[in-house]
Protein backbone atom coordinates (compact mmCIF):
# COMPACT_ATOMS: atom_id res chain seq x y z
CA MET A 1 12.15 33.48 23.95
CA PRO A 2 11.62 29.80 24.02
CA GLU A 3 13.17 27.97 27.24
CA CYS A 4 15.28 25.66 26.53
CA ARG A 5 17.02 22.92 28.72
CA ASN A 6 20.14 21.14 29.62
CA LEU A 7 19.48 17.28 28.37
CA THR A 8 22.20 16.06 30.63
CA LYS A 9 19.90 16.27 33.39
CA ILE A 10 16.80 14.03 32.94
CA GLU A 11 14.13 15.00 35.99
CA THR A 12 11.49 12.07 35.21
CA ILE A 13 13.23 9.44 34.46
CA ASP A 14 11.66 6.52 31.94
CA GLU A 15 12.08 3.46 33.64
CA SER A 16 11.86 1.61 30.17
CA GLN A 17 14.67 3.16 28.84
CA GLN A 18 16.89 0.32 30.35
CA ALA A 19 20.50 -0.14 28.64
CA PRO A 20 20.77 -3.08 26.47
CA GLU A 21 22.80 -5.82 27.91
CA TRP A 22 25.08 -6.23 24.51
CA LEU A 23 26.22 -2.06 25.48
CA THR A 24 29.39 -2.73 27.50
CA GLN A 25 32.17 -1.41 27.64
CA ASP A 26 34.27 -4.11 25.73
CA PHE A 27 31.86 -3.08 22.83
CA LEU A 28 32.19 0.37 22.97
CA THR A 29 36.20 -0.33 22.83
CA LYS A 30 35.85 -2.13 19.46
CA LYS A 31 33.71 0.67 18.23
CA LEU A 32 35.65 3.75 19.40
CA ARG A 33 38.55 1.90 17.88
CA ILE A 34 37.24 1.72 14.65
CA TYR A 35 35.66 5.36 14.34
CA TYR A 36 39.23 6.89 16.16
CA LYS A 37 41.56 4.96 13.93
CA ASP A 38 43.63 3.74 17.19
CA PRO A 39 43.82 0.20 18.13
CA SER A 40 45.10 1.07 21.06
CA LEU A 41 42.15 2.87 22.44
CA GLN A 42 40.98 2.06 26.11
CA ILE A 43 38.13 2.91 28.33
CA LEU A 44 39.19 3.26 31.91
CA SER A 45 35.32 4.18 33.12
CA MET A 46 32.21 4.02 31.72
CA SER A 47 28.63 4.94 33.04
CA VAL A 48 25.01 4.79 31.14
CA ALA A 49 21.97 6.74 31.82
CA PRO A 50 18.56 7.63 30.08
CA ALA A 51 19.17 10.02 27.56
CA THR A 52 15.53 11.00 27.66
CA GLY A 53 12.80 11.61 30.49
CA LYS A 54 9.23 10.09 30.50
CA GLY A 55 6.96 11.24 27.85
CA GLU A 56 9.61 12.61 25.60
CA ASN A 57 10.34 9.41 23.31
CA TYR A 58 8.09 6.72 22.38
CA ALA A 59 9.41 4.80 19.56
CA SER A 60 13.11 3.85 20.68
CA ILE A 61 15.32 3.62 23.26
CA MET A 62 17.94 6.37 24.20
CA ASN A 63 20.92 6.38 26.45
CA ARG A 64 23.57 8.81 27.49
CA VAL A 65 27.17 7.00 27.73
CA SER A 66 30.11 9.08 29.76
CA LEU A 67 33.67 7.93 29.13
CA GLN A 68 36.99 8.24 30.57
CA TYR A 69 39.49 6.52 28.29
CA ILE A 70 43.23 6.91 26.51
CA ILE A 71 43.98 7.57 23.22
CA GLY A 72 46.86 8.46 21.20
CA GLY A 73 50.86 8.56 22.40
CA ASP A 74 50.09 10.95 25.20
CA ARG A 75 48.27 8.36 26.77
CA SER A 76 46.37 11.50 29.11
CA PRO A 77 42.29 10.31 30.14
CA ARG A 78 40.10 12.10 28.42
CA SER A 79 36.24 12.37 28.83
CA GLY A 80 33.94 11.47 26.34
CA SER A 81 29.82 11.25 26.04
CA TYR A 82 27.89 9.41 23.16
CA VAL A 83 24.02 8.94 22.12
CA VAL A 84 23.20 5.19 22.00
CA LYS A 85 19.95 5.02 19.75
CA SER A 86 18.40 1.09 19.79
CA SER A 87 15.08 -0.89 19.55
CA PHE A 88 12.78 -1.96 21.88
CA GLU A 89 14.36 -5.60 22.72
CA GLY A 90 12.29 -8.01 24.07
CA ASP A 91 9.03 -5.96 24.09
CA GLU A 92 6.52 -8.09 21.87
CA PHE A 93 3.29 -5.46 22.18
CA ALA A 94 6.07 -2.93 21.10
CA THR A 95 7.94 -4.90 18.39
CA GLU A 96 4.47 -6.04 16.60
CA LYS A 97 3.51 -2.82 16.21
CA ILE A 98 6.20 -0.85 15.30
CA SER A 99 7.60 -3.79 12.65
CA PRO A 100 5.68 -3.33 9.83
CA TYR A 101 7.05 0.57 9.59
CA ASP A 102 10.60 -0.60 9.29
CA ILE A 103 11.59 2.47 11.15
CA TYR A 104 14.75 1.00 13.04
CA ASN A 105 16.62 -0.33 9.37
CA ARG A 106 15.17 2.93 7.28
CA GLU A 107 16.66 5.23 9.83
CA MET A 108 20.36 3.28 10.05
CA GLU A 109 20.08 3.54 6.12
CA ILE A 110 19.50 7.31 6.12
CA TYR A 111 22.32 7.96 8.60
CA GLU A 112 24.99 5.73 7.06
CA LYS A 113 24.08 6.05 3.34
CA ILE A 114 21.56 8.56 2.45
CA ILE A 115 22.83 11.74 4.79
CA PRO A 116 26.46 12.02 3.28
CA LYS A 117 25.11 11.99 -0.32
CA LEU A 118 22.86 14.98 0.89
CA ASN A 119 25.88 16.35 2.17
CA ALA A 120 27.95 15.75 -0.64
CA LEU A 121 25.46 17.73 -2.32
CA LEU A 122 25.47 20.71 -0.50
CA GLU A 123 29.44 21.10 -0.61
CA GLU A 124 29.17 20.62 -4.48
CA ILE A 125 27.49 24.03 -4.50
CA GLY A 126 29.88 25.91 -1.70
CA ASP A 127 27.25 25.31 1.11
CA LYS A 128 29.23 23.99 4.55
CA ASP A 129 25.69 24.14 6.45
CA LYS A 130 26.12 21.31 8.80
CA MET A 131 23.03 19.81 9.37
CA PHE A 132 23.06 16.21 10.99
CA PRO A 133 24.94 14.59 14.49
CA GLU A 134 28.13 12.89 14.05
CA THR A 135 27.29 9.27 13.33
CA ILE A 136 29.98 7.03 15.31
CA SER A 137 28.53 3.85 14.52
CA VAL A 138 25.73 1.78 12.76
CA GLU A 139 24.91 -1.56 14.25
CA TYR A 140 22.22 -3.21 11.86
CA ASP A 141 22.15 -6.76 13.81
CA ARG A 142 21.23 -4.70 16.83
CA SER A 143 18.91 -2.31 15.51
CA ALA A 144 20.95 0.96 17.12
CA MET A 145 23.64 3.58 16.61
CA ILE A 146 26.30 5.48 18.12
CA PHE A 147 26.02 9.14 18.05
CA GLU A 148 28.19 11.77 19.52
CA ASP A 149 26.42 13.81 22.31
CA LEU A 150 25.42 17.06 20.82
CA THR A 151 25.26 18.31 23.83
CA GLN A 152 29.28 18.55 24.05
CA ARG A 153 29.09 21.02 22.10
CA GLY A 154 26.81 22.87 23.67
CA TYR A 155 23.51 21.96 21.81
CA ILE A 156 20.15 22.04 23.84
CA MET A 157 16.62 21.40 23.09
CA CYS A 158 14.03 23.85 23.11
CA ASP A 159 10.62 23.37 25.66
CA ARG A 160 7.92 21.11 23.90
CA LEU A 161 5.53 22.76 26.39
CA LYS A 162 6.51 26.79 25.13
CA GLY A 163 6.58 26.38 21.24
CA LEU A 164 9.62 28.20 19.07
CA ASP A 165 9.83 31.73 18.15
CA MET A 166 10.55 33.18 14.87
CA ASP A 167 14.20 33.07 15.05
CA HIS A 168 13.92 29.29 16.17
CA ALA A 169 11.07 28.31 13.56
CA LYS A 170 13.20 30.03 10.66
CA MET A 171 16.60 28.09 11.51
CA CYS A 172 14.77 25.17 11.86
CA LEU A 173 13.08 25.57 8.33
CA ARG A 174 16.42 26.48 6.44
CA LYS A 175 17.81 23.18 7.58
CA LEU A 176 14.75 21.34 6.65
CA ALA A 177 14.68 23.35 3.16
CA LYS A 178 18.16 22.19 2.66
CA MET A 179 17.60 18.05 3.59
CA HIS A 180 14.38 18.52 1.30
CA ALA A 181 15.71 19.93 -2.02
CA THR A 182 19.19 17.63 -1.91
CA SER A 183 17.00 14.81 -1.60
CA ALA A 184 14.58 15.28 -4.27
CA VAL A 185 17.91 16.20 -6.44
CA LEU A 186 19.50 13.30 -5.19
CA ASN A 187 15.93 11.16 -6.33
CA GLU A 188 16.25 12.91 -9.67
CA ARG A 189 20.28 11.98 -9.95
CA GLU A 190 19.85 8.19 -8.67
CA PRO A 191 16.10 7.49 -9.37
CA GLY A 192 14.88 4.60 -7.14
CA THR A 193 16.93 5.78 -4.21
CA PHE A 194 13.95 6.57 -2.38
CA LYS A 195 11.87 3.45 -3.67
CA THR A 196 11.19 1.86 -0.31
CA TYR A 197 10.53 4.49 1.86
CA ASP A 198 7.02 4.51 1.68
CA ARG A 199 6.10 3.53 5.16
CA GLY A 200 5.51 7.01 7.05
CA LEU A 201 3.35 6.90 10.09
CA PHE A 202 0.17 6.79 7.36
CA ASN A 203 0.94 4.10 4.40
CA ARG A 204 -0.63 1.85 2.43
CA HIS A 205 0.99 -1.13 3.91
CA THR A 206 -0.07 -0.99 7.50
CA ASP A 207 -3.01 0.45 10.30
CA ASN A 208 -0.65 -0.85 13.21
CA PHE A 209 -0.81 3.05 14.38
CA SER A 210 -4.51 3.21 13.55
CA PRO A 211 -5.17 2.68 17.60
CA PHE A 212 -3.33 5.74 18.29
CA PHE A 213 -4.62 7.89 15.95
CA VAL A 214 -8.18 6.68 15.90
CA GLY A 215 -8.41 6.45 19.44
CA ILE A 216 -6.59 10.09 20.70
CA LEU A 217 -9.34 11.45 17.71
CA ASP A 218 -12.02 9.81 20.46
CA ALA A 219 -10.83 11.13 23.25
CA CYS A 220 -10.49 14.64 21.50
CA GLY A 221 -13.96 14.65 19.88
CA ARG A 222 -15.44 13.62 22.92
CA MET A 223 -13.97 16.19 25.36
CA VAL A 224 -14.49 18.64 22.71
CA SER A 225 -17.97 17.96 22.74
CA LYS A 226 -18.45 18.62 26.38
CA LEU A 227 -16.64 22.14 25.78
CA GLU A 228 -19.38 25.00 25.70
CA GLY A 229 -20.39 26.10 22.58
CA PHE A 230 -18.08 23.69 20.90
CA LYS A 231 -20.63 20.08 20.56
CA LYS A 232 -20.75 21.06 16.49
CA TYR A 233 -17.03 20.53 16.33
CA GLY A 234 -16.12 17.42 18.27
CA GLU A 235 -19.58 16.25 16.38
CA LYS A 236 -17.63 16.61 13.26
CA LEU A 237 -14.15 15.24 14.83
CA LEU A 238 -16.02 12.14 15.86
CA ALA A 239 -17.58 11.59 12.40
CA LEU A 240 -14.14 11.97 10.80
CA LYS A 241 -13.15 8.36 12.91
CA PRO A 242 -13.99 6.06 9.92
CA LYS A 243 -11.94 8.56 7.39
CA LEU A 244 -8.79 9.40 9.66
CA MET A 245 -5.98 6.99 8.52
CA GLU A 246 -7.37 7.06 4.87
CA TYR A 247 -7.87 11.15 5.09
CA GLY A 248 -3.71 10.75 6.39
CA LYS A 249 -2.79 8.31 3.65
CA GLN A 250 -3.95 10.32 1.21
CA VAL A 251 -1.31 13.64 2.87
CA PHE A 252 1.58 10.88 2.44
CA ASP A 253 0.48 9.56 -1.03
CA PRO A 254 2.98 11.38 -3.35
CA VAL A 255 1.35 13.51 -5.84
CA ASP A 256 2.72 13.16 -9.86
CA GLY A 257 4.03 16.72 -11.07
CA HIS A 258 4.50 17.87 -7.20
CA VAL A 259 8.41 18.26 -6.06
CA ASN A 260 8.61 15.24 -3.65
CA VAL A 261 11.10 14.84 -1.40
CA LEU A 262 12.60 12.89 1.61
CA ALA A 263 9.97 14.03 4.54
CA HIS A 264 11.33 14.05 7.99
CA GLY A 265 8.23 12.28 9.42
CA ASP A 266 8.54 13.75 12.54
CA PHE A 267 9.97 17.50 12.46
CA TRP A 268 9.37 18.91 15.50
CA VAL A 269 10.67 20.47 18.68
CA ASN A 270 12.24 17.47 20.26
CA ASN A 271 13.62 16.25 16.94
CA VAL A 272 15.74 19.66 16.68
CA MET A 273 19.04 20.61 19.07
CA PHE A 274 20.12 24.12 19.04
CA ASN A 275 23.37 26.23 20.14
CA GLU A 276 22.37 29.28 21.74
CA GLY A 277 23.97 32.48 21.75
CA PRO A 278 23.20 35.83 23.87
CA ASN A 279 19.70 36.22 25.00
CA GLN A 280 19.04 32.86 24.00
CA ARG A 281 19.22 33.25 19.75
CA PRO A 282 19.95 30.51 18.25
CA ASN A 283 23.40 30.04 16.29
CA ASP A 284 22.74 26.73 14.76
CA VAL A 285 20.48 23.69 14.77
CA ILE A 286 20.92 20.32 14.13
CA LEU A 287 18.02 17.89 12.68
CA ILE A 288 17.78 14.47 14.68
CA ASP A 289 15.93 11.45 14.44
CA PHE A 290 14.75 10.06 11.41
CA GLN A 291 12.59 6.70 12.00
CA TYR A 292 9.74 8.21 10.21
CA SER A 293 11.08 9.59 7.39
CA CYS A 294 9.43 8.73 4.01
CA TRP A 295 9.02 10.02 0.50
CA GLY A 296 6.53 12.51 -0.24
CA SER A 297 5.47 16.60 0.00
CA PRO A 298 7.32 18.88 2.14
CA ALA A 299 3.45 19.20 3.22
CA ILE A 300 4.01 16.57 5.70
CA ASP A 301 6.76 18.17 7.07
CA LEU A 302 5.58 21.96 7.12
CA HIS A 303 2.10 21.26 8.41
CA TYR A 304 3.30 19.05 10.94
CA PHE A 305 6.16 21.05 12.51
CA PHE A 306 4.00 24.58 12.25
CA ASN A 307 1.03 22.88 14.48
CA THR A 308 3.00 21.28 16.83
CA SER A 309 6.15 23.69 17.37
CA LEU A 310 5.35 26.86 17.16
CA MET A 311 4.14 29.58 19.65
CA GLU A 312 0.67 29.79 19.08
CA ASP A 313 0.32 33.47 18.10
CA MET A 314 3.07 32.15 15.36
CA ARG A 315 0.91 29.23 14.26
CA LEU A 316 -2.60 30.74 14.32
CA HIS A 317 -0.95 34.31 12.57
CA GLN A 318 2.56 34.08 10.80
CA GLN A 319 2.43 31.05 8.98
CA ASP A 320 2.48 32.50 5.41
CA GLU A 321 5.43 34.52 5.95
CA LEU A 322 7.31 30.81 6.97
CA PHE A 323 5.89 29.03 3.87
CA GLN A 324 6.92 31.97 2.32
CA TYR A 325 10.53 31.68 4.06
CA TYR A 326 10.71 27.86 3.56
CA TYR A 327 9.94 27.71 0.00
CA ASN A 328 12.82 30.70 -0.84
CA ILE A 329 15.26 28.26 0.14
CA PHE A 330 13.83 25.27 -0.98
CA THR A 331 13.83 26.59 -4.12
CA GLY A 332 17.22 28.45 -4.15
CA ILE A 333 19.04 24.96 -3.71
CA LEU A 334 16.87 23.23 -6.19
CA LYS A 335 17.90 25.94 -8.90
CA ALA A 336 21.70 26.34 -7.51
CA LEU A 337 21.79 21.86 -8.24
CA LYS A 338 20.20 22.40 -11.54
CA PHE A 339 17.00 20.43 -10.65
CA GLN A 340 15.50 19.55 -14.18
CA ALA A 341 11.95 19.34 -13.37
CA LYS A 342 9.38 21.72 -12.78
CA ILE A 343 9.76 24.55 -9.68
CA PRO A 344 6.42 25.48 -8.82
CA SER A 345 6.02 29.23 -8.65
CA LEU A 346 4.83 30.22 -4.43
CA HIS A 347 1.80 30.39 -5.58
CA GLN A 348 1.62 26.66 -7.06
CA PHE A 349 3.63 25.52 -4.43
CA LEU A 350 1.10 26.95 -1.68
CA LEU A 351 -1.84 25.24 -3.44
CA HIS A 352 0.15 21.90 -3.48
CA MET A 353 -0.03 22.37 0.38
CA SER A 354 -3.15 23.48 0.77
CA GLU A 355 -4.16 19.98 -0.93
CA LYS A 356 -1.84 18.21 1.81
CA GLU A 357 -3.35 20.59 4.77
CA PHE A 358 -5.63 17.65 6.52
CA TYR A 359 -2.68 16.68 8.28
CA ALA A 360 -2.91 20.22 10.20
CA VAL A 361 -5.74 18.83 11.86
CA THR A 362 -4.03 15.91 12.62
CA SER A 363 -1.40 17.60 13.82
CA GLY A 364 -2.43 20.37 15.99
CA CYS A 365 -5.57 18.60 17.33
CA LEU A 366 -4.42 15.19 18.27
CA VAL A 367 -0.56 14.66 18.23
CA GLN A 368 0.75 18.19 19.75
CA ALA A 369 -1.95 17.25 22.30
CA VAL A 370 0.16 14.09 23.33
CA MET A 371 3.42 16.40 22.90
CA ILE A 372 2.69 18.57 25.19
CA ASN A 373 1.29 16.15 27.41
CA GLU A 374 2.45 17.09 31.24
CA GLN A 375 1.08 13.95 32.95
CA THR A 376 4.14 11.44 32.43
CA GLU A 377 3.42 8.85 34.55
CA ASP A 378 1.60 6.53 31.79
CA ALA A 379 3.56 8.22 29.34
CA ASP A 380 4.83 5.36 27.02
CA PHE A 381 4.27 3.00 23.93
CA HIS A 382 1.91 1.21 25.22
CA SER A 383 -0.79 3.71 26.48
CA LEU A 384 0.00 5.45 22.98
CA MET A 385 -0.79 2.26 20.97
CA GLY A 386 -3.09 0.33 23.69
CA GLU A 387 -6.51 0.05 23.75
CA ASP A 388 -7.47 -1.36 27.13
CA GLU A 389 -8.05 0.84 30.67
CA ARG A 390 -4.74 2.24 31.07
CA ALA A 391 -4.28 3.40 27.44
CA LEU A 392 -8.19 4.74 27.09
CA ASN A 393 -7.26 7.15 30.40
CA PHE A 394 -4.29 8.14 29.36
CA LYS A 395 -5.70 9.63 26.10
CA ASN A 396 -8.51 11.08 28.49
CA THR A 397 -5.89 12.87 30.77
CA ILE A 398 -4.48 13.84 27.64
CA PHE A 399 -6.93 16.52 27.04
CA LYS A 400 -7.68 17.83 30.79
CA ASN A 401 -4.94 19.35 29.87
CA GLU A 402 -5.97 23.35 29.77
CA LYS A 403 -3.52 24.24 27.28
CA VAL A 404 -4.47 21.37 24.82
CA GLN A 405 -8.37 22.65 25.42
CA LYS A 406 -7.33 26.47 24.62
CA ASN A 407 -5.37 25.67 21.49
CA LEU A 408 -8.53 23.36 20.21
CA LYS A 409 -10.46 26.41 21.00
CA ARG A 410 -8.41 28.60 18.78
CA LEU A 411 -8.09 25.81 15.88
CA LEU A 412 -11.25 24.25 15.54
CA PRO A 413 -12.89 27.16 14.03
CA LYS A 414 -10.37 27.83 11.62
CA PHE A 415 -10.09 24.31 10.33
CA ASP A 416 -13.99 23.82 9.95
CA ARG A 417 -14.07 27.29 7.74
CA LYS A 418 -11.54 25.43 5.60
CA GLY A 419 -13.79 22.54 5.25
CA LEU A 420 -11.30 20.50 6.83
CA LEU A 421 -13.12 18.84 9.38
CA ASP A 422 -15.75 17.82 6.83
CA HIS A 423 -16.27 14.33 5.10
CA ARG A 424 -15.08 15.02 1.68
CA ASP A 425 -17.34 12.17 -0.65
């Protein structure tokens, strides 16, 4: 069973996760009065603390707000806890890098406008599955959102260093398949809904994240070249540097004739929260964090999830089972909602997935190395996206991790046999 943890206790504080100045008692009073529809609500006390530890979150500031408040006629004190997600205010470097991706506006729109429509489509077929957290408030002028604190309902994260077992993985895929299928139907019924959702991690508008992807590929290739018997793989990785961003964009380009969906865009262990039953068996999972959501192939999420978030033996030997599990739920929802476009057979679907399989290399060799990094002293946005000595040292340190090296030794021969490490032209 994967190990999970209580998110109310952060062991390593990220000092960059400073609460924004506008996050005051008066501000929250106004927002909670609107949400609870009670103009008499009063906050008696309030405390703010980081909601994520260092190395857990790179694209936003997350704070947990604990309150004592009174509401309603009895005026007896109640306790409440909320998560406030906001942008990097005052950080010029982060703002410059992130701005072309428009991640904050997109995520706010998803929570405010898209998610209610996806939920309504599920309700249309009698499916009452809850997939997303409750949104308290969306603040466009501050690039911020307030959510229910899922930990108050017993939801926790599994350990990013351990990976998910079959039960947890299938529960994630069930919710993901429903999100994907309802988004495809929504786009069919309301054409143009996702027209502007074309700025995922790889896209045709900006290469601002290339210092991360190319820099981490360079560090990976240099390290692999030094491993006994793996020099040829290291050389192939280094030879991919000029092509990496283009190959990534090809993964993210929607393909006419395929079923395209609203991809989560960053679907991994830290962006799902589980409610656990006896013996750590999952009762439920909630999907969170839609900053990099985009319109494209389901392969974006599937290759990313399979190559960052599964226990290693499952990644190597049970992906076929998981693809089929996802496919059956995905196509079942499409049929139930009377999707008009052609629904691919399982064989056709798997061929579509194989066309985008270069993302398995990007996810498994590069992104996962960051995700399972345990040296968190320099684990911040500047180290990921920077090109100075500190950033270079951080990227090199990532690949000194024995678990990362073990994973690469198992993955690279497999990817090479599929031709995924070769130039395509």
